[in-house]
């Protein structure tokens, strides 16, 4: 089965407690379970990870490039600030889809610019936990493993 890395950045470990009006009431464990179920349905192996550290995300991009078919990434606030993630995303050969739970374009202006979107095959935002499912379906198509 093709491996898809589902990478999560800072503060996503606080889902379910942190601003549920914006991010919803589901925990990251709930979202992981949804991704694993969808991955099974799609014939994808899901490697689901979260970190609050920028350099760890960079390392995971490099690792995914060696072993995975694609990356779904919710880089949290690093989306808007990290040149290091921008460079890591541009360095990989596998497809990457950026995703967000909230509609970042309907929020504070500083969230309107993504440092990693220029290297992404696409960006999905505003659909809550469903954004992850949409990203996995997109990666299924992008990795040419569609049925």
N, C-alpha and C. Protein backbone atom coordinates (compact mmCIF):
# COMPACT_ATOMS: atom_id res chain seq x y z
N UNK A 1 0.84 -1.19 0.00
CA UNK A 1 0.00 0.00 0.00
C UNK A 1 0.88 1.25 0.00
N UNK A 2 0.55 2.23 -0.81
CA UNK A 2 1.30 3.49 -0.77
C UNK A 2 1.17 4.16 0.59
N UNK A 3 2.25 4.74 1.05
CA UNK A 3 2.27 5.44 2.34
C UNK A 3 2.02 6.93 2.11
N UNK A 4 1.13 7.48 2.90
CA UNK A 4 0.88 8.91 2.91
C UNK A 4 1.22 9.42 4.31
N UNK A 5 2.13 10.38 4.36
CA UNK A 5 2.43 11.05 5.63
C UNK A 5 1.36 12.12 5.85
N UNK A 6 0.74 12.12 7.02
CA UNK A 6 -0.19 13.17 7.43
C UNK A 6 0.51 13.90 8.57
N UNK A 7 1.01 15.09 8.25
CA UNK A 7 1.84 15.84 9.18
C UNK A 7 1.08 17.01 9.77
N UNK A 8 1.22 17.18 11.07
CA UNK A 8 0.52 18.20 11.82
C UNK A 8 1.51 19.03 12.61
N UNK A 9 1.34 20.35 12.54
CA UNK A 9 2.25 21.26 13.20
C UNK A 9 1.80 21.71 14.57
N UNK A 10 2.30 22.88 14.99
CA UNK A 10 2.14 23.34 16.36
C UNK A 10 0.69 23.57 16.76
N UNK A 11 0.44 23.22 18.01
CA UNK A 11 -0.82 23.42 18.71
C UNK A 11 -1.95 22.51 18.26
N UNK A 12 -1.73 21.70 17.24
CA UNK A 12 -2.80 20.79 16.81
C UNK A 12 -3.03 19.68 17.81
N UNK A 13 -2.06 19.44 18.69
CA UNK A 13 -2.26 18.49 19.78
C UNK A 13 -3.30 19.00 20.78
N UNK A 14 -3.65 20.28 20.71
CA UNK A 14 -4.64 20.87 21.62
C UNK A 14 -6.05 20.91 21.01
N UNK A 15 -6.23 20.30 19.86
CA UNK A 15 -7.57 20.29 19.24
C UNK A 15 -8.59 19.68 20.20
N UNK A 16 -9.80 20.21 20.15
CA UNK A 16 -10.85 19.76 21.05
C UNK A 16 -10.94 20.65 22.28
N UNK A 17 -9.82 21.29 22.62
CA UNK A 17 -9.78 22.21 23.76
C UNK A 17 -9.50 23.64 23.30
N UNK A 18 -8.73 23.79 22.24
CA UNK A 18 -8.29 25.10 21.77
C UNK A 18 -9.29 25.68 20.78
N UNK A 19 -9.91 26.76 21.13
CA UNK A 19 -10.82 27.51 20.27
C UNK A 19 -11.74 26.61 19.44
N UNK A 20 -12.60 25.83 20.11
CA UNK A 20 -13.48 24.92 19.36
C UNK A 20 -14.42 25.63 18.40
N UNK A 21 -14.70 26.90 18.63
CA UNK A 21 -15.54 27.66 17.70
C UNK A 21 -14.87 27.83 16.34
N UNK A 22 -13.55 27.78 16.31
CA UNK A 22 -12.79 27.90 15.06
C UNK A 22 -12.40 26.52 14.54
N UNK A 23 -11.88 25.68 15.43
CA UNK A 23 -11.27 24.41 15.00
C UNK A 23 -12.16 23.19 15.21
N UNK A 24 -13.32 23.37 15.83
CA UNK A 24 -14.21 22.24 16.07
C UNK A 24 -13.90 21.52 17.37
N UNK A 25 -14.72 20.58 17.70
CA UNK A 25 -14.60 19.86 18.96
C UNK A 25 -13.84 18.56 18.88
N UNK A 26 -13.46 18.14 17.67
CA UNK A 26 -12.75 16.87 17.53
C UNK A 26 -11.30 17.02 17.99
N UNK A 27 -10.78 15.97 18.59
CA UNK A 27 -9.38 15.94 19.00
C UNK A 27 -8.53 15.48 17.83
N UNK A 28 -7.23 15.63 17.97
CA UNK A 28 -6.32 15.14 16.93
C UNK A 28 -6.42 13.62 16.82
N UNK A 29 -6.65 12.95 17.96
CA UNK A 29 -6.84 11.48 17.93
C UNK A 29 -8.09 11.13 17.12
N UNK A 30 -9.15 11.91 17.25
CA UNK A 30 -10.36 11.69 16.44
C UNK A 30 -10.05 11.83 14.96
N UNK A 31 -9.29 12.86 14.62
CA UNK A 31 -8.94 13.10 13.21
C UNK A 31 -8.03 12.00 12.70
N UNK A 32 -7.12 11.54 13.53
CA UNK A 32 -6.25 10.43 13.13
C UNK A 32 -7.09 9.19 12.81
N UNK A 33 -8.07 8.89 13.65
CA UNK A 33 -8.93 7.73 13.41
C UNK A 33 -9.69 7.88 12.09
N UNK A 34 -10.19 9.09 11.80
CA UNK A 34 -10.86 9.34 10.52
C UNK A 34 -9.90 9.10 9.35
N UNK A 35 -8.68 9.59 9.48
CA UNK A 35 -7.69 9.43 8.40
C UNK A 35 -7.33 7.96 8.20
N UNK A 36 -7.17 7.23 9.27
CA UNK A 36 -6.83 5.81 9.14
C UNK A 36 -7.98 5.05 8.47
N UNK A 37 -9.21 5.37 8.84
CA UNK A 37 -10.37 4.72 8.23
C UNK A 37 -10.45 5.05 6.74
N UNK A 38 -10.27 6.33 6.40
CA UNK A 38 -10.31 6.73 4.99
C UNK A 38 -9.14 6.12 4.23
N UNK A 39 -7.98 6.09 4.86
CA UNK A 39 -6.81 5.47 4.22
C UNK A 39 -7.07 4.02 3.89
N UNK A 40 -7.67 3.30 4.81
CA UNK A 40 -8.00 1.89 4.57
C UNK A 40 -8.95 1.77 3.39
N UNK A 41 -9.97 2.63 3.36
CA UNK A 41 -10.95 2.61 2.26
C UNK A 41 -10.28 2.89 0.92
N UNK A 42 -9.28 3.79 0.92
CA UNK A 42 -8.60 4.19 -0.31
C UNK A 42 -7.42 3.29 -0.67
N UNK A 43 -7.06 2.37 0.21
CA UNK A 43 -5.90 1.53 -0.04
C UNK A 43 -4.59 2.26 0.21
N UNK A 44 -4.60 3.15 1.19
CA UNK A 44 -3.40 3.91 1.55
C UNK A 44 -2.99 3.59 2.98
N UNK A 45 -1.71 3.52 3.21
CA UNK A 45 -1.18 3.37 4.55
C UNK A 45 -0.91 4.77 5.10
N UNK A 46 -1.46 5.08 6.26
CA UNK A 46 -1.37 6.43 6.83
C UNK A 46 -0.31 6.46 7.93
N UNK A 47 0.65 7.35 7.78
CA UNK A 47 1.64 7.62 8.82
C UNK A 47 1.30 9.00 9.38
N UNK A 48 0.64 9.04 10.53
CA UNK A 48 0.06 10.25 11.11
C UNK A 48 0.96 10.75 12.23
N UNK A 49 1.38 12.04 12.14
CA UNK A 49 2.33 12.58 13.11
C UNK A 49 1.97 14.02 13.47
N UNK A 50 2.40 14.43 14.67
CA UNK A 50 2.24 15.82 15.11
C UNK A 50 3.48 16.25 15.88
N UNK A 51 3.88 17.50 15.67
CA UNK A 51 4.98 18.09 16.43
C UNK A 51 4.73 19.58 16.61
N UNK A 52 5.30 20.11 17.66
CA UNK A 52 5.27 21.56 17.88
C UNK A 52 6.59 22.20 17.45
N UNK A 53 7.46 21.45 16.80
CA UNK A 53 8.80 21.92 16.46
C UNK A 53 9.02 21.98 14.95
N UNK A 54 9.41 23.14 14.48
CA UNK A 54 9.58 23.39 13.05
C UNK A 54 10.59 22.44 12.41
N UNK A 55 11.74 22.27 13.04
CA UNK A 55 12.78 21.41 12.47
C UNK A 55 12.35 19.97 12.33
N UNK A 56 11.50 19.50 13.23
CA UNK A 56 10.98 18.13 13.13
C UNK A 56 10.12 18.00 11.88
N UNK A 57 9.28 18.99 11.61
CA UNK A 57 8.48 18.97 10.38
C UNK A 57 9.37 18.93 9.14
N UNK A 58 10.43 19.72 9.15
CA UNK A 58 11.38 19.71 8.02
C UNK A 58 11.96 18.32 7.85
N UNK A 59 12.40 17.71 8.96
CA UNK A 59 12.95 16.35 8.89
C UNK A 59 11.93 15.37 8.34
N UNK A 60 10.66 15.51 8.73
CA UNK A 60 9.62 14.60 8.24
C UNK A 60 9.36 14.78 6.75
N UNK A 61 9.47 16.01 6.24
CA UNK A 61 9.34 16.22 4.79
C UNK A 61 10.44 15.43 4.07
N UNK A 62 11.66 15.53 4.58
CA UNK A 62 12.78 14.81 3.95
C UNK A 62 12.58 13.30 4.03
N UNK A 63 12.14 12.82 5.18
CA UNK A 63 11.88 11.39 5.36
C UNK A 63 10.78 10.92 4.41
N UNK A 64 9.70 11.67 4.34
CA UNK A 64 8.59 11.30 3.45
C UNK A 64 9.06 11.21 2.01
N UNK A 65 9.92 12.10 1.61
CA UNK A 65 10.41 12.11 0.23
C UNK A 65 11.11 10.79 -0.12
N UNK A 66 11.65 10.12 0.87
CA UNK A 66 12.34 8.84 0.65
C UNK A 66 11.43 7.63 0.72
N UNK A 67 10.34 7.71 1.49
CA UNK A 67 9.55 6.49 1.73
C UNK A 67 8.06 6.59 1.40
N UNK A 68 7.55 7.79 1.19
CA UNK A 68 6.11 7.96 1.03
C UNK A 68 5.73 8.32 -0.41
N UNK A 69 4.45 8.14 -0.70
CA UNK A 69 3.92 8.51 -2.01
C UNK A 69 3.42 9.95 -2.02
N UNK A 70 3.15 10.52 -0.84
CA UNK A 70 2.65 11.88 -0.76
C UNK A 70 2.57 12.36 0.67
N UNK A 71 2.31 13.65 0.82
CA UNK A 71 2.20 14.29 2.12
C UNK A 71 0.92 15.13 2.16
N UNK A 72 0.16 14.97 3.24
CA UNK A 72 -0.91 15.89 3.59
C UNK A 72 -0.41 16.64 4.82
N UNK A 73 -0.36 17.97 4.75
CA UNK A 73 0.23 18.72 5.86
C UNK A 73 -0.67 19.85 6.33
N UNK A 74 -0.88 19.87 7.63
CA UNK A 74 -1.49 21.00 8.32
C UNK A 74 -0.37 21.56 9.19
N UNK A 75 0.35 22.52 8.67
CA UNK A 75 1.52 23.05 9.35
C UNK A 75 1.17 24.08 10.42
N UNK A 76 -0.13 24.28 10.67
CA UNK A 76 -0.52 25.25 11.69
C UNK A 76 0.08 26.61 11.39
N UNK A 77 0.51 27.31 12.42
CA UNK A 77 1.05 28.66 12.27
C UNK A 77 2.32 28.70 11.42
N UNK A 78 3.06 27.59 11.36
CA UNK A 78 4.27 27.58 10.52
C UNK A 78 3.93 27.79 9.04
N UNK A 79 2.69 27.53 8.67
CA UNK A 79 2.25 27.78 7.30
C UNK A 79 2.58 29.21 6.87
N UNK A 80 2.41 30.13 7.80
CA UNK A 80 2.48 31.55 7.49
C UNK A 80 3.83 32.18 7.80
N UNK A 81 4.74 31.40 8.39
CA UNK A 81 5.99 32.00 8.87
C UNK A 81 7.26 31.27 8.46
N UNK A 82 7.16 30.03 8.04
CA UNK A 82 8.36 29.20 7.93
C UNK A 82 8.96 29.13 6.53
N UNK A 83 10.05 29.83 6.36
CA UNK A 83 10.83 29.70 5.12
C UNK A 83 11.48 28.32 5.07
N UNK A 84 11.83 27.76 6.23
CA UNK A 84 12.41 26.42 6.27
C UNK A 84 11.44 25.38 5.71
N UNK A 85 10.15 25.47 6.07
CA UNK A 85 9.16 24.54 5.51
C UNK A 85 8.94 24.80 4.03
N UNK A 86 8.97 26.05 3.63
CA UNK A 86 8.88 26.39 2.20
C UNK A 86 10.00 25.70 1.44
N UNK A 87 11.22 25.82 1.93
CA UNK A 87 12.36 25.20 1.26
C UNK A 87 12.25 23.68 1.25
N UNK A 88 11.82 23.09 2.37
CA UNK A 88 11.66 21.63 2.44
C UNK A 88 10.58 21.16 1.47
N UNK A 89 9.49 21.90 1.38
CA UNK A 89 8.41 21.53 0.46
C UNK A 89 8.86 21.61 -0.99
N UNK A 90 9.68 22.59 -1.31
CA UNK A 90 10.18 22.74 -2.69
C UNK A 90 11.21 21.67 -3.03
N UNK A 91 11.83 21.09 -2.02
CA UNK A 91 12.89 20.10 -2.25
C UNK A 91 12.37 18.69 -2.49
N UNK A 92 11.10 18.44 -2.17
CA UNK A 92 10.59 17.07 -2.30
C UNK A 92 10.08 16.81 -3.71
N UNK A 93 10.07 15.54 -4.09
CA UNK A 93 9.60 15.12 -5.41
C UNK A 93 8.17 14.58 -5.37
N UNK A 94 7.69 14.25 -4.19
CA UNK A 94 6.35 13.65 -4.07
C UNK A 94 5.30 14.75 -3.92
N UNK A 95 4.04 14.46 -4.29
CA UNK A 95 3.00 15.47 -4.15
C UNK A 95 2.69 15.79 -2.69
N UNK A 96 2.43 17.06 -2.45
CA UNK A 96 2.08 17.54 -1.12
C UNK A 96 0.82 18.38 -1.23
N UNK A 97 -0.12 18.14 -0.31
CA UNK A 97 -1.35 18.92 -0.22
C UNK A 97 -1.36 19.62 1.13
N UNK A 98 -1.51 20.94 1.09
CA UNK A 98 -1.64 21.74 2.31
C UNK A 98 -3.10 21.74 2.73
N UNK A 99 -3.34 21.62 4.03
CA UNK A 99 -4.72 21.63 4.50
C UNK A 99 -4.85 22.39 5.81
N UNK A 100 -6.05 22.88 6.05
CA UNK A 100 -6.38 23.60 7.28
C UNK A 100 -7.81 23.28 7.67
N UNK A 101 -8.05 23.22 8.97
CA UNK A 101 -9.40 23.00 9.47
C UNK A 101 -10.30 24.20 9.20
N UNK A 102 -9.77 25.39 9.46
CA UNK A 102 -10.56 26.61 9.28
C UNK A 102 -10.28 27.21 7.90
N UNK A 103 -11.15 28.14 7.50
CA UNK A 103 -10.92 28.88 6.26
C UNK A 103 -9.96 30.02 6.60
N UNK A 104 -8.70 29.82 6.35
CA UNK A 104 -7.68 30.80 6.72
C UNK A 104 -7.90 32.15 6.03
N UNK A 105 -8.59 32.15 4.90
CA UNK A 105 -8.83 33.39 4.16
C UNK A 105 -9.95 34.23 4.76
N UNK A 106 -10.70 33.64 5.68
CA UNK A 106 -11.77 34.36 6.36
C UNK A 106 -11.33 34.80 7.76
N UNK A 107 -10.04 34.63 8.04
CA UNK A 107 -9.51 34.94 9.37
C UNK A 107 -8.56 36.14 9.31
N UNK A 108 -7.71 36.27 10.29
CA UNK A 108 -6.78 37.39 10.36
C UNK A 108 -5.94 37.47 9.09
N UNK A 109 -5.60 38.69 8.70
CA UNK A 109 -4.88 38.89 7.45
C UNK A 109 -3.55 38.14 7.40
N UNK A 110 -2.86 38.03 8.54
CA UNK A 110 -1.57 37.33 8.51
C UNK A 110 -1.71 35.86 8.14
N UNK A 111 -2.91 35.31 8.25
CA UNK A 111 -3.14 33.92 7.87
C UNK A 111 -3.44 33.75 6.39
N UNK A 112 -3.58 34.83 5.66
CA UNK A 112 -3.93 34.76 4.24
C UNK A 112 -2.76 34.33 3.37
N UNK A 113 -1.53 34.47 3.85
CA UNK A 113 -0.34 34.11 3.06
C UNK A 113 0.24 32.80 3.58
N UNK A 114 0.44 31.87 2.69
CA UNK A 114 1.06 30.59 3.02
C UNK A 114 2.45 30.54 2.41
N UNK A 115 3.42 30.16 3.23
CA UNK A 115 4.79 30.00 2.75
C UNK A 115 4.96 28.68 1.99
N UNK A 116 4.07 27.71 2.24
CA UNK A 116 4.25 26.40 1.60
C UNK A 116 3.32 26.16 0.42
N UNK A 117 2.26 26.96 0.29
CA UNK A 117 1.32 26.76 -0.82
C UNK A 117 1.97 26.80 -2.20
N UNK A 118 2.98 27.65 -2.43
CA UNK A 118 3.59 27.65 -3.77
C UNK A 118 4.21 26.30 -4.17
N UNK A 119 4.53 25.47 -3.19
CA UNK A 119 5.12 24.15 -3.48
C UNK A 119 4.09 23.03 -3.42
N UNK A 120 2.87 23.36 -3.04
CA UNK A 120 1.81 22.34 -2.89
C UNK A 120 1.11 22.09 -4.22
N UNK A 121 0.60 20.89 -4.37
CA UNK A 121 -0.26 20.58 -5.52
C UNK A 121 -1.61 21.25 -5.37
N UNK A 122 -2.02 21.48 -4.12
CA UNK A 122 -3.28 22.13 -3.85
C UNK A 122 -3.41 22.47 -2.39
N UNK A 123 -4.42 23.30 -2.08
CA UNK A 123 -4.68 23.73 -0.71
C UNK A 123 -6.16 23.50 -0.42
N UNK A 124 -6.44 22.88 0.72
CA UNK A 124 -7.81 22.62 1.14
C UNK A 124 -7.98 23.28 2.51
N UNK A 125 -9.01 24.10 2.65
CA UNK A 125 -9.22 24.75 3.95
C UNK A 125 -10.69 25.01 4.18
N UNK A 126 -11.05 25.04 5.46
CA UNK A 126 -12.38 25.47 5.83
C UNK A 126 -13.41 24.38 6.01
N UNK A 127 -13.02 23.14 5.92
CA UNK A 127 -13.98 22.04 6.01
C UNK A 127 -13.84 21.22 7.29
N UNK A 128 -13.18 21.79 8.30
CA UNK A 128 -12.99 21.06 9.55
C UNK A 128 -12.19 19.79 9.30
N UNK A 129 -12.52 18.76 10.05
CA UNK A 129 -11.81 17.48 9.90
C UNK A 129 -11.95 16.91 8.50
N UNK A 130 -13.01 17.27 7.79
CA UNK A 130 -13.21 16.80 6.42
C UNK A 130 -12.07 17.27 5.50
N UNK A 131 -11.39 18.35 5.86
CA UNK A 131 -10.25 18.81 5.06
C UNK A 131 -9.19 17.72 4.94
N UNK A 132 -9.00 16.94 6.00
CA UNK A 132 -8.04 15.84 5.96
C UNK A 132 -8.49 14.76 4.97
N UNK A 133 -9.77 14.44 5.01
CA UNK A 133 -10.31 13.41 4.12
C UNK A 133 -10.20 13.86 2.67
N UNK A 134 -10.51 15.13 2.41
CA UNK A 134 -10.39 15.67 1.05
C UNK A 134 -8.93 15.62 0.59
N UNK A 135 -8.00 15.92 1.48
CA UNK A 135 -6.58 15.87 1.13
C UNK A 135 -6.15 14.44 0.80
N UNK A 136 -6.61 13.47 1.56
CA UNK A 136 -6.25 12.08 1.28
C UNK A 136 -6.81 11.64 -0.07
N UNK A 137 -8.03 12.04 -0.38
CA UNK A 137 -8.61 11.69 -1.68
C UNK A 137 -7.84 12.35 -2.81
N UNK A 138 -7.43 13.59 -2.61
CA UNK A 138 -6.62 14.27 -3.62
C UNK A 138 -5.30 13.55 -3.82
N UNK A 139 -4.67 13.14 -2.74
CA UNK A 139 -3.38 12.45 -2.85
C UNK A 139 -3.55 11.08 -3.50
N UNK A 140 -4.64 10.43 -3.26
CA UNK A 140 -4.92 9.15 -3.94
C UNK A 140 -4.89 9.37 -5.45
N UNK A 141 -5.53 10.43 -5.89
CA UNK A 141 -5.55 10.75 -7.33
C UNK A 141 -4.19 11.20 -7.81
N UNK A 142 -3.54 12.05 -7.06
CA UNK A 142 -2.23 12.60 -7.48
C UNK A 142 -1.13 11.55 -7.55
N UNK A 143 -1.26 10.51 -6.74
CA UNK A 143 -0.24 9.47 -6.74
C UNK A 143 -0.57 8.35 -7.71
N UNK A 144 -1.60 8.56 -8.53
CA UNK A 144 -1.99 7.61 -9.58
C UNK A 144 -2.34 6.24 -9.03
N UNK A 145 -2.93 6.24 -7.84
CA UNK A 145 -3.37 4.96 -7.27
C UNK A 145 -4.88 4.87 -7.26
N UNK A 146 -5.51 5.74 -8.05
CA UNK A 146 -6.98 5.72 -8.11
C UNK A 146 -7.46 4.41 -8.71
N UNK A 147 -8.60 3.98 -8.20
CA UNK A 147 -9.17 2.71 -8.69
C UNK A 147 -9.86 2.90 -10.01
